[in-house]
Amino acid sequence: MYNISLDFFEPFVQGIIEELKVTTDDVVAIEGIEWTLSLTATIMINTINEGSNPLLSAVVANDPKMIRKALQPVARSKRAEVCL
């Protein structure tokens, strides 16, 4: 919902790992945290990509015209359900 570019996930994880390498020399701990953060970032990217739809894109863009256009094909009785 914050409209963050997906390109920032990998550098963010790498930055955390670089800072962790400065703090500790425990290779197993660093590899474990890197694997965990990479997995979490991958899941978040997949969720964002798969969960994107025209209505969500319009809400993120904060554009009422796009929202109306996204809801146009939906029957009026179903629009409240679609918005949830």
N, C-alpha and C. Protein backbone atom coordinates (compact mmCIF):
# COMPACT_ATOMS: atom_id res chain seq x y z
N MET A 1 0.81 -1.20 0.00
CA MET A 1 0.00 0.00 0.00
C MET A 1 0.85 1.25 0.00
N TYR A 2 2.13 1.15 0.23
CA TYR A 2 2.98 2.33 0.24
C TYR A 2 3.62 2.58 -1.12
N ASN A 3 3.28 1.76 -2.11
CA ASN A 3 3.73 1.93 -3.48
C ASN A 3 5.26 1.95 -3.59
N ILE A 4 5.91 1.07 -2.86
CA ILE A 4 7.36 0.97 -2.88
C ILE A 4 7.78 0.11 -4.07
N SER A 5 8.81 0.54 -4.76
CA SER A 5 9.33 -0.23 -5.89
C SER A 5 9.88 -1.56 -5.41
N LEU A 6 9.63 -2.59 -6.17
CA LEU A 6 10.11 -3.93 -5.81
C LEU A 6 11.62 -4.04 -5.94
N ASP A 7 12.24 -3.10 -6.62
CA ASP A 7 13.69 -3.12 -6.79
C ASP A 7 14.44 -2.83 -5.50
N PHE A 8 13.76 -2.31 -4.49
CA PHE A 8 14.42 -1.95 -3.24
C PHE A 8 14.56 -3.11 -2.26
N PHE A 9 13.87 -4.21 -2.47
CA PHE A 9 13.90 -5.31 -1.52
C PHE A 9 15.29 -5.95 -1.43
N GLU A 10 15.88 -6.27 -2.57
CA GLU A 10 17.19 -6.94 -2.56
C GLU A 10 18.29 -6.07 -1.97
N PRO A 11 18.41 -4.78 -2.36
CA PRO A 11 19.45 -3.95 -1.73
C PRO A 11 19.24 -3.77 -0.23
N PHE A 12 17.99 -3.76 0.20
CA PHE A 12 17.70 -3.64 1.63
C PHE A 12 18.23 -4.85 2.39
N VAL A 13 17.97 -6.03 1.86
CA VAL A 13 18.45 -7.26 2.50
C VAL A 13 19.98 -7.27 2.49
N GLN A 14 20.60 -6.91 1.39
CA GLN A 14 22.05 -6.89 1.30
C GLN A 14 22.66 -5.88 2.28
N GLY A 15 22.01 -4.73 2.45
CA GLY A 15 22.49 -3.74 3.41
C GLY A 15 22.47 -4.26 4.84
N ILE A 16 21.40 -4.96 5.18
CA ILE A 16 21.31 -5.54 6.53
C ILE A 16 22.41 -6.58 6.73
N ILE A 17 22.65 -7.40 5.72
CA ILE A 17 23.67 -8.44 5.83
C ILE A 17 25.06 -7.81 5.95
N GLU A 18 25.33 -6.76 5.21
CA GLU A 18 26.63 -6.09 5.31
C GLU A 18 26.85 -5.52 6.71
N GLU A 19 25.82 -4.93 7.28
CA GLU A 19 25.94 -4.39 8.64
C GLU A 19 26.13 -5.51 9.66
N LEU A 20 25.47 -6.64 9.42
CA LEU A 20 25.61 -7.78 10.32
C LEU A 20 27.03 -8.34 10.27
N LYS A 21 27.64 -8.34 9.09
CA LYS A 21 29.02 -8.84 8.95
C LYS A 21 30.00 -7.96 9.72
N VAL A 22 29.69 -6.68 9.84
CA VAL A 22 30.54 -5.78 10.62
C VAL A 22 30.41 -6.08 12.11
N THR A 23 29.22 -6.49 12.52
CA THR A 23 28.92 -6.71 13.93
C THR A 23 29.43 -8.05 14.45
N THR A 24 29.34 -9.10 13.62
CA THR A 24 29.70 -10.44 14.10
C THR A 24 30.50 -11.19 13.05
N ASP A 25 31.24 -12.19 13.51
CA ASP A 25 32.00 -13.05 12.61
C ASP A 25 31.38 -14.44 12.49
N ASP A 26 30.23 -14.66 13.11
CA ASP A 26 29.57 -15.96 13.10
C ASP A 26 28.96 -16.21 11.72
N VAL A 27 29.62 -17.00 10.92
CA VAL A 27 29.21 -17.25 9.54
C VAL A 27 27.86 -17.95 9.47
N VAL A 28 27.62 -18.88 10.36
CA VAL A 28 26.35 -19.63 10.36
C VAL A 28 25.18 -18.68 10.65
N ALA A 29 25.36 -17.80 11.61
CA ALA A 29 24.31 -16.84 11.95
C ALA A 29 24.04 -15.90 10.78
N ILE A 30 25.09 -15.44 10.14
CA ILE A 30 24.93 -14.52 9.00
C ILE A 30 24.22 -15.22 7.85
N GLU A 31 24.61 -16.44 7.54
CA GLU A 31 23.95 -17.19 6.46
C GLU A 31 22.49 -17.47 6.79
N GLY A 32 22.22 -17.79 8.05
CA GLY A 32 20.84 -18.05 8.46
C GLY A 32 19.96 -16.82 8.34
N ILE A 33 20.47 -15.69 8.78
CA ILE A 33 19.68 -14.46 8.69
C ILE A 33 19.53 -14.02 7.24
N GLU A 34 20.57 -14.20 6.44
CA GLU A 34 20.48 -13.86 5.02
C GLU A 34 19.42 -14.71 4.32
N TRP A 35 19.42 -16.01 4.63
CA TRP A 35 18.43 -16.91 4.02
C TRP A 35 17.02 -16.50 4.44
N THR A 36 16.85 -16.21 5.73
CA THR A 36 15.53 -15.83 6.25
C THR A 36 15.04 -14.54 5.62
N LEU A 37 15.90 -13.53 5.56
CA LEU A 37 15.50 -12.24 4.97
C LEU A 37 15.22 -12.37 3.48
N SER A 38 16.04 -13.16 2.78
CA SER A 38 15.82 -13.36 1.34
C SER A 38 14.49 -14.07 1.09
N LEU A 39 14.19 -15.07 1.89
CA LEU A 39 12.93 -15.78 1.76
C LEU A 39 11.75 -14.86 2.04
N THR A 40 11.85 -14.07 3.09
CA THR A 40 10.78 -13.12 3.43
C THR A 40 10.59 -12.10 2.31
N ALA A 41 11.67 -11.57 1.78
CA ALA A 41 11.58 -10.60 0.69
C ALA A 41 10.94 -11.22 -0.55
N THR A 42 11.31 -12.46 -0.86
CA THR A 42 10.73 -13.14 -2.01
C THR A 42 9.23 -13.35 -1.83
N ILE A 43 8.82 -13.74 -0.66
CA ILE A 43 7.39 -13.93 -0.39
C ILE A 43 6.65 -12.60 -0.51
N MET A 44 7.23 -11.54 0.01
CA MET A 44 6.59 -10.23 -0.09
C MET A 44 6.46 -9.77 -1.55
N ILE A 45 7.50 -9.98 -2.33
CA ILE A 45 7.46 -9.59 -3.75
C ILE A 45 6.40 -10.40 -4.49
N ASN A 46 6.35 -11.70 -4.25
CA ASN A 46 5.34 -12.54 -4.91
C ASN A 46 3.93 -12.13 -4.49
N THR A 47 3.74 -11.82 -3.23
CA THR A 47 2.43 -11.40 -2.75
C THR A 47 2.00 -10.10 -3.40
N ILE A 48 2.93 -9.17 -3.51
CA ILE A 48 2.61 -7.88 -4.15
C ILE A 48 2.27 -8.10 -5.62
N ASN A 49 3.07 -8.91 -6.31
CA ASN A 49 2.81 -9.16 -7.74
C ASN A 49 1.50 -9.89 -7.98
N GLU A 50 1.22 -10.91 -7.19
CA GLU A 50 0.01 -11.70 -7.39
C GLU A 50 -1.23 -11.00 -6.87
N GLY A 51 -1.08 -10.17 -5.86
CA GLY A 51 -2.22 -9.50 -5.26
C GLY A 51 -2.62 -8.22 -5.97
N SER A 52 -1.84 -7.82 -6.95
CA SER A 52 -2.16 -6.59 -7.66
C SER A 52 -3.35 -6.80 -8.57
N ASN A 53 -4.26 -5.88 -8.51
CA ASN A 53 -5.40 -5.87 -9.41
C ASN A 53 -5.73 -4.41 -9.71
N PRO A 54 -6.59 -4.13 -10.68
CA PRO A 54 -6.86 -2.74 -11.04
C PRO A 54 -7.40 -1.90 -9.87
N LEU A 55 -8.22 -2.50 -9.02
CA LEU A 55 -8.78 -1.75 -7.90
C LEU A 55 -7.69 -1.38 -6.90
N LEU A 56 -6.83 -2.33 -6.56
CA LEU A 56 -5.75 -2.06 -5.62
C LEU A 56 -4.79 -1.01 -6.19
N SER A 57 -4.49 -1.10 -7.47
CA SER A 57 -3.62 -0.11 -8.10
C SER A 57 -4.24 1.28 -8.05
N ALA A 58 -5.55 1.37 -8.23
CA ALA A 58 -6.23 2.66 -8.17
C ALA A 58 -6.22 3.22 -6.76
N VAL A 59 -6.38 2.37 -5.77
CA VAL A 59 -6.36 2.82 -4.37
C VAL A 59 -4.97 3.31 -4.01
N VAL A 60 -3.94 2.58 -4.43
CA VAL A 60 -2.57 2.99 -4.14
C VAL A 60 -2.26 4.33 -4.80
N ALA A 61 -2.76 4.52 -6.02
CA ALA A 61 -2.54 5.77 -6.74
C ALA A 61 -3.41 6.90 -6.20
N ASN A 62 -4.39 6.57 -5.35
CA ASN A 62 -5.30 7.54 -4.77
C ASN A 62 -6.01 8.34 -5.86
N ASP A 63 -6.54 7.60 -6.84
CA ASP A 63 -7.19 8.21 -8.00
C ASP A 63 -8.65 7.75 -8.09
N PRO A 64 -9.60 8.64 -7.75
CA PRO A 64 -11.03 8.25 -7.78
C PRO A 64 -11.51 7.81 -9.16
N LYS A 65 -10.98 8.41 -10.21
CA LYS A 65 -11.40 8.03 -11.56
C LYS A 65 -10.98 6.59 -11.87
N MET A 66 -9.78 6.23 -11.47
CA MET A 66 -9.31 4.85 -11.69
C MET A 66 -10.14 3.87 -10.86
N ILE A 67 -10.54 4.28 -9.66
CA ILE A 67 -11.37 3.41 -8.81
C ILE A 67 -12.71 3.16 -9.47
N ARG A 68 -13.33 4.24 -9.96
CA ARG A 68 -14.63 4.07 -10.64
C ARG A 68 -14.48 3.15 -11.86
N LYS A 69 -13.38 3.35 -12.61
CA LYS A 69 -13.15 2.53 -13.81
C LYS A 69 -12.93 1.07 -13.42
N ALA A 70 -12.23 0.81 -12.32
CA ALA A 70 -11.98 -0.56 -11.88
C ALA A 70 -13.26 -1.23 -11.40
N LEU A 71 -14.17 -0.45 -10.81
CA LEU A 71 -15.42 -1.02 -10.29
C LEU A 71 -16.53 -1.08 -11.33
N GLN A 72 -16.34 -0.47 -12.47
CA GLN A 72 -17.38 -0.40 -13.50
C GLN A 72 -17.89 -1.77 -13.95
N PRO A 73 -17.04 -2.76 -14.19
CA PRO A 73 -17.58 -4.05 -14.65
C PRO A 73 -18.27 -4.87 -13.55
N VAL A 74 -18.15 -4.45 -12.31
CA VAL A 74 -18.73 -5.20 -11.20
C VAL A 74 -20.17 -4.71 -10.96
N ALA A 75 -21.08 -5.65 -10.74
CA ALA A 75 -22.46 -5.27 -10.45
C ALA A 75 -22.53 -4.44 -9.17
N ARG A 76 -23.44 -3.50 -9.11
CA ARG A 76 -23.53 -2.60 -7.94
C ARG A 76 -23.76 -3.36 -6.65
N SER A 77 -24.49 -4.47 -6.70
CA SER A 77 -24.76 -5.22 -5.49
C SER A 77 -23.50 -5.95 -4.97
N LYS A 78 -22.50 -6.11 -5.82
CA LYS A 78 -21.27 -6.82 -5.45
C LYS A 78 -20.09 -5.89 -5.18
N ARG A 79 -20.24 -4.59 -5.39
CA ARG A 79 -19.11 -3.67 -5.28
C ARG A 79 -18.55 -3.58 -3.86
N ALA A 80 -19.40 -3.64 -2.87
CA ALA A 80 -18.91 -3.57 -1.49
C ALA A 80 -18.03 -4.79 -1.18
N GLU A 81 -18.42 -5.96 -1.66
CA GLU A 81 -17.63 -7.17 -1.44
C GLU A 81 -16.28 -7.08 -2.15
N VAL A 82 -16.28 -6.53 -3.35
CA VAL A 82 -15.04 -6.41 -4.13
C VAL A 82 -14.09 -5.44 -3.43
N CYS A 83 -14.63 -4.39 -2.85
CA CYS A 83 -13.79 -3.39 -2.18
C CYS A 83 -13.15 -3.92 -0.91
N LEU A 84 -13.77 -4.91 -0.29
CA LEU A 84 -13.19 -5.47 0.92
C LEU A 84 -12.05 -6.37 0.56
